[in-house]
Protein backbone atom coordinates (compact mmCIF):
# COMPACT_ATOMS: atom_id res chain seq x y z
CA UNK A 1 0.00 0.00 0.00
CA UNK A 2 1.05 3.59 -0.65
CA UNK A 3 0.78 5.63 2.49
CA UNK A 4 0.77 9.37 3.07
CA UNK A 5 4.16 9.17 4.78
CA UNK A 6 5.89 7.73 1.70
CA UNK A 7 8.83 9.95 0.64
CA UNK A 8 8.16 11.80 -2.58
CA UNK A 9 10.64 11.56 -5.42
CA UNK A 10 11.47 14.72 -7.40
CA UNK A 11 10.72 13.43 -10.88
CA UNK A 12 11.28 16.81 -12.50
CA UNK A 13 14.94 16.80 -11.46
CA UNK A 14 15.46 13.10 -12.12
CA UNK A 15 18.07 12.36 -14.79
CA UNK A 16 18.31 8.76 -15.94
CA UNK A 17 21.62 8.11 -17.76
CA UNK A 18 21.91 5.60 -20.58
CA UNK A 19 23.52 2.95 -18.39
CA UNK A 20 23.44 -0.63 -19.59
CA UNK A 21 22.15 -1.92 -22.88
CA UNK A 22 20.31 -4.70 -24.62
CA UNK A 23 22.99 -6.66 -26.46
CA UNK A 24 22.43 -8.89 -29.49
CA UNK A 25 24.51 -12.03 -28.96
CA UNK A 26 24.11 -13.85 -32.26
CA UNK A 27 23.28 -17.00 -30.29
CA UNK A 28 19.96 -18.51 -31.36
CA UNK A 29 19.46 -19.95 -27.86
CA UNK A 30 20.00 -16.55 -26.25
CA UNK A 31 19.53 -13.93 -28.98
CA UNK A 32 19.49 -10.94 -26.59
CA UNK A 33 21.11 -10.26 -23.24
CA UNK A 34 20.36 -7.37 -20.89
CA UNK A 35 23.46 -5.98 -19.17
CA UNK A 36 23.54 -3.32 -16.47
CA UNK A 37 25.72 -0.24 -16.21
CA UNK A 38 28.63 -2.34 -14.96
CA UNK A 39 28.48 -4.69 -17.95
CA UNK A 40 27.05 -7.58 -15.91
CA UNK A 41 24.20 -9.62 -17.35
CA UNK A 42 20.91 -9.18 -15.49
CA UNK A 43 20.02 -12.73 -14.43
CA UNK A 44 16.36 -11.90 -13.80
CA UNK A 45 15.94 -10.66 -17.36
CA UNK A 46 17.84 -13.65 -18.78
CA UNK A 47 15.49 -16.09 -17.05
CA UNK A 48 12.48 -14.17 -18.33
CA UNK A 49 13.80 -14.16 -21.89
CA UNK A 50 14.36 -17.92 -21.75
CA UNK A 51 10.77 -18.40 -20.62
CA UNK A 52 9.49 -16.26 -23.49
CA UNK A 53 11.50 -18.20 -26.06
CA UNK A 54 10.36 -21.54 -24.61
CA UNK A 55 6.76 -20.33 -25.02
CA UNK A 56 7.37 -19.78 -28.73
CA UNK A 57 7.81 -16.01 -28.74
CA UNK A 58 9.79 -14.56 -31.63
CA UNK A 59 13.23 -13.02 -31.20
CA UNK A 60 11.77 -9.65 -32.15
CA UNK A 61 9.38 -9.99 -29.22
CA UNK A 62 12.28 -10.63 -26.86
CA UNK A 63 14.00 -7.52 -28.19
CA UNK A 64 10.85 -5.42 -27.72
CA UNK A 65 10.35 -6.66 -24.16
CA UNK A 66 14.04 -6.18 -23.45
CA UNK A 67 13.89 -2.49 -24.32
CA UNK A 68 11.09 -1.99 -21.80
CA UNK A 69 13.05 -3.84 -19.12
CA UNK A 70 16.17 -1.80 -19.91
CA UNK A 71 14.22 1.41 -19.34
CA UNK A 72 12.93 0.08 -16.01
CA UNK A 73 16.33 -1.10 -14.75
CA UNK A 74 17.87 2.26 -15.64
CA UNK A 75 15.20 3.99 -13.58
CA UNK A 76 15.75 1.66 -10.60
CA UNK A 77 19.50 2.26 -10.78
CA UNK A 78 18.97 6.00 -10.33
CA UNK A 79 16.31 5.43 -7.66
CA UNK A 80 18.70 3.21 -5.71
CA UNK A 81 16.26 0.30 -5.48
CA UNK A 82 16.96 -3.33 -6.40
CA UNK A 83 14.57 -4.87 -8.90
CA UNK A 84 13.31 -7.48 -6.41
CA UNK A 85 12.69 -4.80 -3.77
CA UNK A 86 10.66 -2.48 -5.98
CA UNK A 87 7.23 -1.51 -4.65
CA UNK A 88 4.19 0.21 -6.07
CA UNK A 89 5.85 3.52 -5.23
CA UNK A 90 8.64 2.88 -7.74
CA UNK A 91 6.13 1.56 -10.30
CA UNK A 92 3.97 4.64 -9.87
CA UNK A 93 6.92 7.03 -10.14
CA UNK A 94 8.28 5.18 -13.16
CA UNK A 95 4.97 5.39 -15.03
CA UNK A 96 4.65 9.04 -14.10
CA UNK A 97 8.23 9.70 -15.25
CA UNK A 98 7.50 8.12 -18.64
CA UNK A 99 4.39 10.27 -18.88
CA UNK A 100 6.14 13.57 -18.19
CA UNK A 101 9.90 13.59 -18.83
CA UNK A 102 10.81 10.08 -19.91
CA UNK A 103 12.88 10.63 -23.03
CA UNK A 104 16.56 11.29 -22.46
CA UNK A 105 19.37 12.24 -24.88
CA UNK A 106 20.87 9.07 -26.31
CA UNK A 107 23.89 8.26 -28.50
CA UNK A 108 23.25 7.82 -32.21
CA UNK A 109 23.79 4.30 -33.51
CA UNK A 110 26.40 5.50 -36.07
CA UNK A 111 28.46 7.53 -33.59
CA UNK A 112 28.07 5.52 -30.39
CA UNK A 113 30.96 6.16 -28.02
CA UNK A 114 32.08 9.38 -29.71
CA UNK A 115 32.05 12.75 -28.01
CA UNK A 116 29.09 14.98 -28.82
CA UNK A 117 27.12 12.12 -30.34
CA UNK A 118 23.89 12.59 -28.37
CA UNK A 119 20.59 12.86 -30.15
CA UNK A 120 18.82 16.09 -29.27
CA UNK A 121 15.56 15.30 -27.43
CA UNK A 122 13.34 18.22 -26.33
CA UNK A 123 13.36 18.65 -22.58
CA UNK A 124 10.33 17.13 -20.94
CA UNK A 125 9.19 15.11 -23.96
CA UNK A 126 7.02 12.20 -22.86
CA UNK A 127 6.70 8.75 -24.34
CA UNK A 128 3.64 8.03 -26.44
CA UNK A 129 0.66 6.36 -24.68
CA UNK A 130 1.17 3.21 -26.74
CA UNK A 131 4.80 2.93 -25.54
CA UNK A 132 3.79 3.47 -21.92
CA UNK A 133 0.98 0.92 -22.18
CA UNK A 134 3.33 -1.66 -23.68
CA UNK A 135 5.90 -0.97 -20.97
CA UNK A 136 3.34 -1.45 -18.17
CA UNK A 137 2.14 -4.74 -19.64
CA UNK A 138 5.68 -6.10 -20.06
CA UNK A 139 6.78 -5.17 -16.55
CA UNK A 140 3.62 -6.60 -14.99
CA UNK A 141 4.21 -9.89 -16.88
CA UNK A 142 7.90 -9.82 -15.85
CA UNK A 143 7.01 -9.64 -12.16
CA UNK A 144 4.20 -12.18 -12.56
CA UNK A 145 6.79 -14.62 -13.92
CA UNK A 146 9.16 -14.13 -11.00
CA UNK A 147 6.24 -14.25 -8.58
CA UNK A 148 5.29 -17.67 -9.95
CA UNK A 149 8.81 -19.10 -9.75
CA UNK A 150 9.44 -17.53 -6.34
CA UNK A 151 12.42 -15.37 -7.32
CA UNK A 152 10.85 -11.92 -7.06
CA UNK A 153 8.87 -9.81 -4.60
CA UNK A 154 5.77 -11.33 -3.05
CA UNK A 155 3.58 -8.52 -4.44
CA UNK A 156 3.67 -7.36 -8.03
CA UNK A 157 4.66 -3.66 -8.14
CA UNK A 158 2.43 -3.26 -11.20
CA UNK A 159 -1.02 -4.36 -9.96
CA UNK A 160 -4.24 -4.78 -11.87
CA UNK A 161 -6.94 -2.16 -11.72
CA UNK A 162 -8.95 -2.64 -8.51
CA UNK A 163 -12.25 -2.62 -10.39
CA UNK A 164 -11.09 -5.30 -12.86
CA UNK A 165 -9.35 -7.91 -10.73
CA UNK A 166 -12.15 -10.40 -10.24
CA UNK A 167 -13.90 -12.66 -12.70
CA UNK A 168 -12.89 -14.29 -15.92
CA UNK A 169 -11.69 -12.06 -18.73
CA UNK A 170 -14.30 -11.59 -21.50
CA UNK A 171 -16.88 -13.55 -19.46
CA UNK A 172 -19.74 -11.40 -20.79
CA UNK A 173 -18.25 -10.43 -24.12
CA UNK A 174 -20.68 -9.53 -26.89
CA UNK A 175 -19.47 -11.32 -30.04
CA UNK A 176 -20.60 -8.33 -32.10
CA UNK A 177 -18.26 -6.00 -30.21
CA UNK A 178 -14.45 -5.83 -30.39
CA UNK A 179 -12.38 -7.46 -27.64
CA UNK A 180 -11.01 -5.16 -24.99
CA UNK A 181 -8.62 -5.76 -22.12
CA UNK A 182 -10.90 -6.39 -19.15
CA UNK A 183 -7.93 -6.96 -16.83
CA UNK A 184 -6.10 -3.74 -17.39
CA UNK A 185 -3.21 -2.65 -15.22
CA UNK A 186 -3.69 0.06 -12.64
CA UNK A 187 -1.02 2.28 -14.21
CA UNK A 188 -1.81 1.41 -17.81
CA UNK A 189 -2.68 4.58 -19.77
CA UNK A 190 -5.64 4.81 -22.07
CA UNK A 191 -4.46 4.44 -25.64
CA UNK A 192 -6.61 6.39 -28.11
CA UNK A 193 -8.12 4.45 -30.98
CA UNK A 194 -6.26 5.38 -34.14
CA UNK A 195 -7.43 5.07 -37.70
CA UNK A 196 -4.79 3.16 -39.71
CA UNK A 197 -2.97 5.55 -41.97
CA UNK A 198 -2.87 4.55 -45.61
CA UNK A 199 -1.03 6.31 -48.42
CA UNK A 200 -3.14 8.22 -50.96
CA UNK A 201 -2.63 7.17 -54.57
CA UNK A 202 -1.01 10.48 -55.56
CA UNK A 203 1.47 10.30 -52.67
CA UNK A 204 2.20 6.64 -53.38
CA UNK A 205 3.03 7.48 -57.00
CA UNK A 206 5.52 10.11 -55.83
CA UNK A 207 7.14 7.63 -53.45
CA UNK A 208 7.35 4.91 -56.09
CA UNK A 209 8.89 7.33 -58.60
CA UNK A 210 11.60 8.23 -56.06
CA UNK A 211 12.68 4.62 -55.47
CA UNK A 212 16.30 4.26 -56.66
CA UNK A 213 16.57 0.58 -57.61
CA UNK A 214 14.69 -2.43 -58.96
CA UNK A 215 15.02 -4.11 -55.56
CA UNK A 216 13.29 -1.25 -53.77
CA UNK A 217 10.54 -1.11 -56.39
CA UNK A 218 9.97 -4.84 -56.02
CA UNK A 219 9.86 -4.55 -52.22
CA UNK A 220 7.32 -1.72 -52.24
CA UNK A 221 5.21 -3.45 -54.90
CA UNK A 222 5.07 -6.61 -52.80
CA UNK A 223 4.33 -4.69 -49.60
CA UNK A 224 1.43 -2.79 -51.12
CA UNK A 225 -0.08 -5.81 -52.90
CA UNK A 226 0.32 -8.57 -50.29
CA UNK A 227 -0.23 -6.60 -47.08
CA UNK A 228 2.67 -8.48 -45.48
CA UNK A 229 4.48 -7.01 -42.50
CA UNK A 230 7.96 -5.67 -43.15
CA UNK A 231 9.71 -8.52 -41.35
CA UNK A 232 7.46 -11.14 -42.95
CA UNK A 233 8.33 -10.17 -46.52
CA UNK A 234 12.05 -10.22 -45.66
CA UNK A 235 11.68 -13.85 -44.54
CA UNK A 236 10.95 -15.02 -48.10
CA UNK A 237 13.44 -17.36 -49.77
CA UNK A 238 14.05 -18.24 -53.40
CA UNK A 239 12.00 -21.42 -52.94
CA UNK A 240 9.02 -19.34 -51.84
CA UNK A 241 8.62 -17.53 -55.17
CA UNK A 242 5.99 -18.85 -57.61
CA UNK A 243 5.58 -16.34 -60.46
CA UNK A 244 3.28 -18.65 -62.41
CA UNK A 245 0.69 -18.62 -59.63
CA UNK A 246 1.65 -15.09 -58.47
CA UNK A 247 2.38 -16.31 -54.95
CA UNK A 248 5.12 -15.53 -52.45
CA UNK A 249 5.62 -17.58 -49.27
CA UNK A 250 6.48 -15.73 -46.06
CA UNK A 251 6.90 -16.67 -42.40
CA UNK A 252 4.18 -15.21 -40.21
CA UNK A 253 5.40 -12.96 -37.44
CA UNK A 254 3.47 -14.49 -34.55
CA UNK A 255 2.78 -18.13 -35.39
CA UNK A 256 5.96 -18.64 -37.51
CA UNK A 257 3.88 -20.63 -40.00
CA UNK A 258 4.48 -20.52 -43.75
CA UNK A 259 1.80 -18.59 -45.60
CA UNK A 260 1.33 -18.14 -49.34
CA UNK A 261 0.30 -14.61 -50.24
CA UNK A 262 -0.95 -13.51 -53.68
CA UNK A 263 0.85 -10.52 -55.17
CA UNK A 264 0.37 -8.24 -58.16
CA UNK A 265 1.86 -8.90 -61.58
CA UNK A 266 4.05 -5.80 -61.55
CA UNK A 267 5.62 -6.93 -58.25
CA UNK A 268 6.96 -10.06 -59.97
CA UNK A 269 8.13 -7.99 -62.94
CA UNK A 270 10.21 -5.74 -60.69
CA UNK A 271 11.44 -8.81 -58.82
CA UNK A 272 12.69 -10.39 -62.03
CA UNK A 273 14.51 -7.21 -63.01
CA UNK A 274 16.13 -7.14 -59.57
CA UNK A 275 17.19 -10.79 -59.85
CA UNK A 276 18.75 -10.25 -63.28
CA UNK A 277 20.61 -7.21 -61.98
CA UNK A 278 22.00 -9.11 -58.95
CA UNK A 279 22.48 -12.51 -60.61
CA UNK A 280 26.28 -12.49 -60.35
CA UNK A 281 26.43 -11.07 -56.83
CA UNK A 282 24.09 -13.11 -54.65
CA UNK A 283 24.52 -16.81 -53.84
CA UNK A 284 22.26 -19.36 -55.44
CA UNK A 285 20.16 -21.97 -53.70
CA UNK A 286 16.52 -22.52 -52.92
CA UNK A 287 17.04 -21.83 -49.23
CA UNK A 288 18.91 -18.58 -49.80
CA UNK A 289 17.17 -15.33 -48.80
CA UNK A 290 15.30 -13.50 -51.54
CA UNK A 291 16.35 -9.99 -50.53
CA UNK A 292 19.94 -8.79 -50.27
CA UNK A 293 21.62 -5.52 -49.34
CA UNK A 294 23.13 -3.49 -52.15
CA UNK A 295 26.42 -2.76 -50.39
CA UNK A 296 29.44 -4.96 -51.00
CA UNK A 297 29.99 -7.57 -49.79
CA UNK A 298 26.34 -8.51 -50.17
CA UNK A 299 24.49 -9.79 -47.13
CA UNK A 300 20.83 -10.55 -46.35
CA UNK A 301 18.64 -7.48 -46.14
CA UNK A 302 17.47 -6.55 -42.63
CA UNK A 303 14.40 -4.73 -41.38
CA UNK A 304 16.39 -1.72 -40.21
CA UNK A 305 18.02 -1.35 -43.62
CA UNK A 306 14.61 -1.35 -45.34
CA UNK A 307 13.30 1.11 -42.77
CA UNK A 308 16.17 3.51 -43.45
CA UNK A 309 15.76 3.08 -47.22
CA UNK A 310 12.08 4.02 -47.03
CA UNK A 311 12.91 7.00 -44.83
CA UNK A 312 15.39 8.31 -47.40
CA UNK A 313 12.83 7.86 -50.18
CA UNK A 314 10.24 9.80 -48.18
CA UNK A 315 12.70 12.64 -47.68
CA UNK A 316 13.44 12.66 -51.41
CA UNK A 317 9.74 12.65 -52.35
CA UNK A 318 8.74 15.15 -49.67
CA UNK A 319 6.26 12.75 -48.02
CA UNK A 320 5.78 11.48 -44.48
CA UNK A 321 4.59 7.90 -45.03
CA UNK A 322 5.94 5.06 -42.92
CA UNK A 323 6.98 1.58 -43.96
CA UNK A 324 4.10 0.03 -42.03
CA UNK A 325 1.60 2.30 -43.80
CA UNK A 326 2.18 0.20 -46.93
CA UNK A 327 0.45 -2.67 -45.11
CA UNK A 328 -2.42 -0.35 -44.18
CA UNK A 329 -2.67 0.80 -47.79
CA UNK A 330 -2.91 -2.78 -49.04
CA UNK A 331 -5.54 -3.58 -46.41
CA UNK A 332 -7.69 -0.57 -47.33
CA UNK A 333 -7.49 -1.38 -51.03
CA UNK A 334 -8.61 -4.96 -50.43
CA UNK A 335 -11.34 -4.00 -47.92
CA UNK A 336 -12.82 -1.46 -50.35
CA UNK A 337 -13.21 -4.08 -53.09
CA UNK A 338 -16.87 -5.27 -52.94
CA UNK A 339 -15.90 -8.51 -54.71
CA UNK A 340 -13.45 -9.46 -51.93
CA UNK A 341 -15.06 -10.79 -48.70
CA UNK A 342 -13.72 -9.34 -45.48
CA UNK A 343 -12.87 -12.85 -44.26
CA UNK A 344 -10.48 -13.19 -47.21
CA UNK A 345 -8.80 -9.94 -46.19
CA UNK A 346 -8.53 -11.27 -42.63
CA UNK A 347 -6.75 -14.40 -43.85
CA UNK A 348 -4.32 -12.44 -46.04
CA UNK A 349 -3.46 -10.00 -43.26
CA UNK A 350 -3.12 -12.78 -40.67
CA UNK A 351 -5.52 -11.29 -38.12
CA UNK A 352 -6.72 -13.60 -35.35
CA UNK A 353 -9.98 -11.67 -34.92
CA UNK A 354 -12.29 -10.38 -37.64
CA UNK A 355 -12.87 -7.27 -35.54
CA UNK A 356 -9.23 -6.32 -36.15
CA UNK A 357 -9.80 -6.41 -39.91
CA UNK A 358 -12.97 -4.35 -39.56
CA UNK A 359 -10.97 -1.24 -38.68
CA UNK A 360 -10.17 -0.97 -42.39
CA UNK A 361 -13.85 -0.33 -43.03
CA UNK A 362 -13.43 2.96 -41.15
CA UNK A 363 -13.41 5.88 -43.62
CA UNK A 364 -10.01 7.43 -44.18
CA UNK A 365 -9.48 10.96 -42.92
CA UNK A 366 -8.63 12.42 -46.32
CA UNK A 367 -11.74 10.86 -47.86
CA UNK A 368 -13.94 12.22 -45.07
CA UNK A 369 -12.48 15.72 -45.46
CA UNK A 370 -12.98 15.63 -49.23
CA UNK A 371 -16.61 14.52 -48.94
CA UNK A 372 -17.46 17.03 -46.20
CA UNK A 373 -15.92 19.91 -48.19
CA UNK A 374 -17.94 18.79 -51.19
CA UNK A 375 -21.01 18.77 -48.96
CA UNK A 376 -20.35 22.37 -47.87
CA UNK A 377 -19.89 23.47 -51.48
CA UNK A 378 -23.17 21.82 -52.45
CA UNK A 379 -24.95 23.57 -49.57
CA UNK A 380 -23.68 26.94 -50.79
CA UNK A 381 -24.79 26.17 -54.34
CA UNK A 382 -28.28 25.17 -53.22
CA UNK A 383 -28.59 28.27 -51.01
CA UNK A 384 -27.57 30.47 -53.95
CA UNK A 385 -30.17 28.79 -56.18
CA UNK A 386 -32.88 29.32 -53.57
CA UNK A 387 -31.97 32.99 -53.19
CA UNK A 388 -32.44 33.68 -56.90
CA UNK A 389 -36.09 34.62 -57.61
CA UNK A 390 -38.01 32.57 -60.12
CA UNK A 391 -38.69 34.37 -63.45
CA UNK A 392 -42.19 35.54 -64.20
CA UNK A 393 -44.24 33.39 -66.52
CA UNK A 394 -43.32 33.95 -70.15
CA UNK A 395 -39.62 34.80 -69.50
CA UNK A 396 -36.83 32.36 -70.18
CA UNK A 397 -34.18 32.03 -67.38
CA UNK A 398 -31.20 32.05 -69.76
CA UNK A 399 -32.36 35.35 -71.31
CA UNK A 400 -32.62 36.96 -67.88
CA UNK A 401 -29.13 35.65 -66.95
CA UNK A 402 -27.67 37.37 -70.01
CA UNK A 403 -29.62 40.55 -69.36
CA UNK A 404 -28.59 40.90 -65.72
CA UNK A 405 -25.12 39.34 -65.97
CA UNK A 406 -25.82 36.26 -63.88
CA UNK A 407 -24.43 33.81 -66.41
CA UNK A 408 -20.82 32.91 -67.13
CA UNK A 409 -18.98 35.52 -69.17
């Protein structure tokens, strides 16, 4: 319990240095390791990561959870509290710190370890609600794990909301309504519902025209026609390409299953041009990756390289689209086709719930603005027509328009 006599922590003056890091090991049995400011591996995080991997979680999930844990352990280091002695006071202050002044200057990945290599972050900039909600969920699950195995505190510092502790989750769920988290954490922020951002056709054409290579054109064409996630498309191999049937096989992000996705004809055309261009540079073999980096020596293309490529193309085209918005664009295009059932779109996108796919039936902001502006213009036109008096019997309206100058010159 938090009492009135608990000492208050000055969060405004709190400075959390970038001590410790999440280190990629290259070991498939332990892909990531969390080390503290002294370079010592955090055993509590290592045990949690092993449990996640044993449960079938992807390596990208371990990395995502590890970043949240790194942020928490940095905060505890400054607070002077061990992780297994943290209470609700530290959890409350941590969530409040993320909400107000969480972001700190950090070294750029290209100039790490060099003097003056900090990224400028505006003072007092808070983390987004989605980041804070993810962090609260991860830390609550982390302490639940150690509570179950008996290696952590006897009370989870990140409790559930008092009004939502009892009962079975979704016990009275209406199947016509979307699923919501009925066991939300006490310090979990409310995340606003966001309409998926797709790329308008005119903006997409500018982006596609700014792509510098056949490989990038093939990537974007596959992204916008298959709706695959960025990491899923990069998992394709040479054996997974079937131009005759217009199918590409990818590995699903969550289930790790192989899934054939139909793609557009032009995507395979750009792919063939890319393969001819790189024929003498990339290794051959059905199990070899499909996508390769352009720099020498060639190596398999990574998500971060594609992300940076798309960012450079956006800067060149003067647009602000994101790599993930290509998936949203593909989903909107498929959902708007009356000949394509929504259940087919659900299968292509890999959604577990149909309610997730239904968000693409929500009108896009630019379409709503265009239709409302057209509505206002029509209202003005009708009001102007009503204000004009009707001509007397025997007079033709077009003659009166010419006489009084109401017609077009």
